[in-house]
Amino acid sequence: MSSRRILLIEDELISRKVIADTLTHAGYSVMTCEGGKAALVELKKEPSDYRVIILDRLMPGMDGIQFLKLLQQEKLLENKAVIMLTTVKDNEAIVDALEAGVQEYLTKPVDPDQLLSLIRELISSQKIIK
């Protein structure tokens, strides 16, 4: 499994492009998906390819929490860290996300340096789900 490969799930085109460009410029290989269904197909193809998943919370069709619960049911979260990146800032939403399997919860707009630092920390630490 490559620690440099990241799955980015974001329904907003501009946010997806900005985040993907930031990660690519930092040396990461990024697969982008517009929603949970496409991301699930990608993860099932090569479940061990991704060490970090960056996930939007609010998406049409399947929101981030539903996506995480599905990943847990399908046993696709092993050896992965999940960062939820969203506009939702209330405490209840944060608790729901952490209970669903998120390691880190960031709100938009995110500082690129903060995101990159967090990714490096997650990859080098034991915060990856075993």
C-alpha atoms as a PDB file:
ATOM      1  CA  MET A   1       0.000   0.000   0.000  1.00  0.00           C
ATOM      2  CA  SER A   2       1.330   3.395  -0.935  1.00  0.00           C
ATOM      3  CA  SER A   3       1.274   5.988   1.835  1.00  0.00           C
ATOM      4  CA  ARG A   4       1.288   8.655  -0.895  1.00  0.00           C
ATOM      5  CA  ARG A   5      -2.120   7.719  -2.373  1.00  0.00           C
ATOM      6  CA  ILE A   6      -5.189   9.623  -1.210  1.00  0.00           C
ATOM      7  CA  LEU A   7      -8.873   9.212  -2.042  1.00  0.00           C
ATOM      8  CA  LEU A   8     -10.689  12.564  -2.112  1.00  0.00           C
ATOM      9  CA  ILE A   9     -14.481  12.495  -2.049  1.00  0.00           C
ATOM     10  CA  GLU A  10     -15.970  15.939  -2.635  1.00  0.00           C
ATOM     11  CA  ASP A  11     -19.083  16.864  -4.598  1.00  0.00           C
ATOM     12  CA  GLU A  12     -18.179  20.525  -5.207  1.00  0.00           C
ATOM     13  CA  LEU A  13     -15.981  20.808  -8.305  1.00  0.00           C
ATOM     14  CA  ILE A  14     -13.982  23.860  -7.211  1.00  0.00           C
ATOM     15  CA  SER A  15     -13.234  22.441  -3.749  1.00  0.00           C
ATOM     16  CA  ARG A  16     -12.307  19.083  -5.265  1.00  0.00           C
ATOM     17  CA  LYS A  17      -9.917  20.731  -7.750  1.00  0.00           C
ATOM     18  CA  VAL A  18      -8.261  23.028  -5.175  1.00  0.00           C
ATOM     19  CA  ILE A  19      -7.721  20.229  -2.658  1.00  0.00           C
ATOM     20  CA  ALA A  20      -6.518  17.768  -5.312  1.00  0.00           C
ATOM     21  CA  ASP A  21      -4.067  20.340  -6.694  1.00  0.00           C
ATOM     22  CA  THR A  22      -2.734  21.062  -3.201  1.00  0.00           C
ATOM     23  CA  LEU A  23      -2.186  17.363  -2.539  1.00  0.00           C
ATOM     24  CA  THR A  24      -0.639  16.707  -5.949  1.00  0.00           C
ATOM     25  CA  HIS A  25       1.801  19.595  -5.560  1.00  0.00           C
ATOM     26  CA  ALA A  26       2.818  18.095  -2.205  1.00  0.00           C
ATOM     27  CA  GLY A  27       3.727  14.821  -3.922  1.00  0.00           C
ATOM     28  CA  TYR A  28       0.618  12.748  -3.259  1.00  0.00           C
ATOM     29  CA  SER A  29      -1.214  10.686  -5.834  1.00  0.00           C
ATOM     30  CA  VAL A  30      -4.884  11.667  -5.638  1.00  0.00           C
ATOM     31  CA  MET A  31      -7.975   9.879  -6.901  1.00  0.00           C
ATOM     32  CA  THR A  32     -11.014  12.142  -6.844  1.00  0.00           C
ATOM     33  CA  CYS A  33     -14.626  11.069  -6.669  1.00  0.00           C
ATOM     34  CA  GLU A  34     -17.707  13.251  -6.810  1.00  0.00           C
ATOM     35  CA  GLY A  35     -19.684  11.122  -4.384  1.00  0.00           C
ATOM     36  CA  GLY A  36     -19.851   8.062  -2.188  1.00  0.00           C
ATOM     37  CA  LYS A  37     -21.049   5.617  -4.827  1.00  0.00           C
ATOM     38  CA  ALA A  38     -18.105   6.287  -7.147  1.00  0.00           C
ATOM     39  CA  ALA A  39     -15.709   6.185  -4.191  1.00  0.00           C
ATOM     40  CA  LEU A  40     -17.087   2.837  -3.056  1.00  0.00           C
ATOM     41  CA  VAL A  41     -16.502   1.378  -6.533  1.00  0.00           C
ATOM     42  CA  GLU A  42     -12.926   2.716  -6.468  1.00  0.00           C
ATOM     43  CA  LEU A  43     -12.206   1.321  -2.994  1.00  0.00           C
ATOM     44  CA  LYS A  44     -13.572  -2.096  -3.913  1.00  0.00           C
ATOM     45  CA  LYS A  45     -11.253  -2.249  -6.953  1.00  0.00           C
ATOM     46  CA  GLU A  46      -8.080  -1.716  -4.928  1.00  0.00           C
ATOM     47  CA  PRO A  47      -8.916  -1.532  -1.207  1.00  0.00           C
ATOM     48  CA  SER A  48      -5.274  -1.450  -0.130  1.00  0.00           C
ATOM     49  CA  ASP A  49      -4.303   1.402  -2.485  1.00  0.00           C
ATOM     50  CA  TYR A  50      -5.419   4.190  -0.176  1.00  0.00           C
ATOM     51  CA  ARG A  51      -4.045   5.084   3.235  1.00  0.00           C
ATOM     52  CA  VAL A  52      -5.972   8.360   3.644  1.00  0.00           C
ATOM     53  CA  ILE A  53      -9.535   9.239   2.686  1.00  0.00           C
ATOM     54  CA  ILE A  54     -10.635  12.868   2.663  1.00  0.00           C
ATOM     55  CA  LEU A  55     -14.400  12.944   2.811  1.00  0.00           C
ATOM     56  CA  ASP A  56     -17.010  15.672   2.514  1.00  0.00           C
ATOM     57  CA  ARG A  57     -19.909  15.312   4.922  1.00  0.00           C
ATOM     58  CA  LEU A  58     -22.709  16.864   2.882  1.00  0.00           C
ATOM     59  CA  MET A  59     -23.099  15.198  -0.513  1.00  0.00           C
ATOM     60  CA  PRO A  60     -26.147  14.320  -2.592  1.00  0.00           C
ATOM     61  CA  GLY A  61     -27.233  10.698  -2.679  1.00  0.00           C
ATOM     62  CA  MET A  62     -25.025   9.381   0.103  1.00  0.00           C
ATOM     63  CA  ASP A  63     -23.620  11.678   2.762  1.00  0.00           C
ATOM     64  CA  GLY A  64     -20.242  11.185   4.394  1.00  0.00           C
ATOM     65  CA  ILE A  65     -21.612   9.442   7.481  1.00  0.00           C
ATOM     66  CA  GLN A  66     -23.614   6.963   5.394  1.00  0.00           C
ATOM     67  CA  PHE A  67     -20.512   6.327   3.298  1.00  0.00           C
ATOM     68  CA  LEU A  68     -18.407   5.575   6.388  1.00  0.00           C
ATOM     69  CA  LYS A  69     -21.005   3.194   7.797  1.00  0.00           C
ATOM     70  CA  LEU A  70     -21.062   1.352   4.490  1.00  0.00           C
ATOM     71  CA  LEU A  71     -17.259   1.114   4.492  1.00  0.00           C
ATOM     72  CA  GLN A  72     -17.375  -0.353   7.992  1.00  0.00           C
ATOM     73  CA  GLN A  73     -19.959  -2.945   6.933  1.00  0.00           C
ATOM     74  CA  GLU A  74     -17.854  -3.890   3.903  1.00  0.00           C
ATOM     75  CA  LYS A  75     -14.633  -3.984   6.000  1.00  0.00           C
ATOM     76  CA  LEU A  76     -12.975  -1.357   3.775  1.00  0.00           C
ATOM     77  CA  LEU A  77     -11.632   0.945   6.494  1.00  0.00           C
ATOM     78  CA  GLU A  78      -8.705  -1.195   7.622  1.00  0.00           C
ATOM     79  CA  ASN A  79      -5.337   0.585   7.452  1.00  0.00           C
ATOM     80  CA  LYS A  80      -6.969   3.863   6.466  1.00  0.00           C
ATOM     81  CA  ALA A  81      -7.320   7.250   8.107  1.00  0.00           C
ATOM     82  CA  VAL A  82     -10.380   9.353   7.384  1.00  0.00           C
ATOM     83  CA  ILE A  83     -10.410  13.132   7.435  1.00  0.00           C
ATOM     84  CA  MET A  84     -13.841  14.707   7.233  1.00  0.00           C
ATOM     85  CA  LEU A  85     -13.690  18.085   5.524  1.00  0.00           C
ATOM     86  CA  THR A  86     -16.957  19.990   5.735  1.00  0.00           C
ATOM     87  CA  THR A  87     -18.781  23.240   6.383  1.00  0.00           C
ATOM     88  CA  VAL A  88     -20.745  21.658   9.264  1.00  0.00           C
ATOM     89  CA  LYS A  89     -19.315  22.990  12.532  1.00  0.00           C
ATOM     90  CA  ASP A  90     -21.703  21.979  15.311  1.00  0.00           C
ATOM     91  CA  ASN A  91     -20.627  19.654  18.132  1.00  0.00           C
ATOM     92  CA  GLU A  92     -23.257  17.018  17.400  1.00  0.00           C
ATOM     93  CA  ALA A  93     -21.995  16.679  13.816  1.00  0.00           C
ATOM     94  CA  ILE A  94     -18.422  16.314  15.043  1.00  0.00           C
ATOM     95  CA  VAL A  95     -19.399  13.602  17.540  1.00  0.00           C
ATOM     96  CA  ASP A  96     -21.421  11.753  14.859  1.00  0.00           C
ATOM     97  CA  ALA A  97     -18.416  11.818  12.530  1.00  0.00           C
ATOM     98  CA  LEU A  98     -15.972  10.587  15.177  1.00  0.00           C
ATOM     99  CA  GLU A  99     -18.352   7.786  16.142  1.00  0.00           C
ATOM    100  CA  ALA A 100     -18.657   6.823  12.463  1.00  0.00           C
ATOM    101  CA  GLY A 101     -14.892   6.333  12.178  1.00  0.00           C
ATOM    102  CA  VAL A 102     -13.386   9.715  11.335  1.00  0.00           C
ATOM    103  CA  GLN A 103      -9.949  10.372  12.835  1.00  0.00           C
ATOM    104  CA  GLU A 104      -9.895  14.107  12.095  1.00  0.00           C
ATOM    105  CA  TYR A 105     -12.625  16.677  11.455  1.00  0.00           C
ATOM    106  CA  LEU A 106     -11.736  19.871   9.586  1.00  0.00           C
ATOM    107  CA  THR A 107     -14.013  22.686   8.522  1.00  0.00           C
ATOM    108  CA  LYS A 108     -13.947  24.530   5.222  1.00  0.00           C
ATOM    109  CA  PRO A 109     -12.269  26.554   4.057  1.00  0.00           C
ATOM    110  CA  VAL A 110      -9.271  24.521   5.112  1.00  0.00           C
ATOM    111  CA  ASP A 111      -5.764  25.885   5.347  1.00  0.00           C
ATOM    112  CA  PRO A 112      -3.636  23.860   2.884  1.00  0.00           C
ATOM    113  CA  ASP A 113      -0.647  23.736   5.225  1.00  0.00           C
ATOM    114  CA  GLN A 114      -2.839  22.461   8.060  1.00  0.00           C
ATOM    115  CA  LEU A 115      -4.296  19.741   5.826  1.00  0.00           C
ATOM    116  CA  LEU A 116      -0.871  18.617   4.596  1.00  0.00           C
ATOM    117  CA  SER A 117       0.534  18.583   8.115  1.00  0.00           C
ATOM    118  CA  LEU A 118      -2.398  16.505   9.328  1.00  0.00           C
ATOM    119  CA  ILE A 119      -1.991  14.010   6.490  1.00  0.00           C
ATOM    120  CA  ARG A 120       1.725  13.599   7.258  1.00  0.00           C
ATOM    121  CA  GLU A 121       0.899  13.054  10.934  1.00  0.00           C
ATOM    122  CA  LEU A 122      -1.798  10.476  10.186  1.00  0.00           C
ATOM    123  CA  ILE A 123       0.437   8.542   7.824  1.00  0.00           C
ATOM    124  CA  SER A 124       3.357   8.468  10.257  1.00  0.00           C
ATOM    125  CA  SER A 125       1.314   7.773  13.386  1.00  0.00           C
ATOM    126  CA  GLN A 126      -0.785   4.921  14.610  1.00  0.00           C
ATOM    127  CA  LYS A 127      -4.068   6.765  13.905  1.00  0.00           C
ATOM    128  CA  ILE A 128      -4.676   4.531  10.914  1.00  0.00           C
ATOM    129  CA  ILE A 129      -7.590   2.165  11.555  1.00  0.00           C
ATOM    130  CA  LYS A 130      -6.331  -1.384  12.072  1.00  0.00           C
END
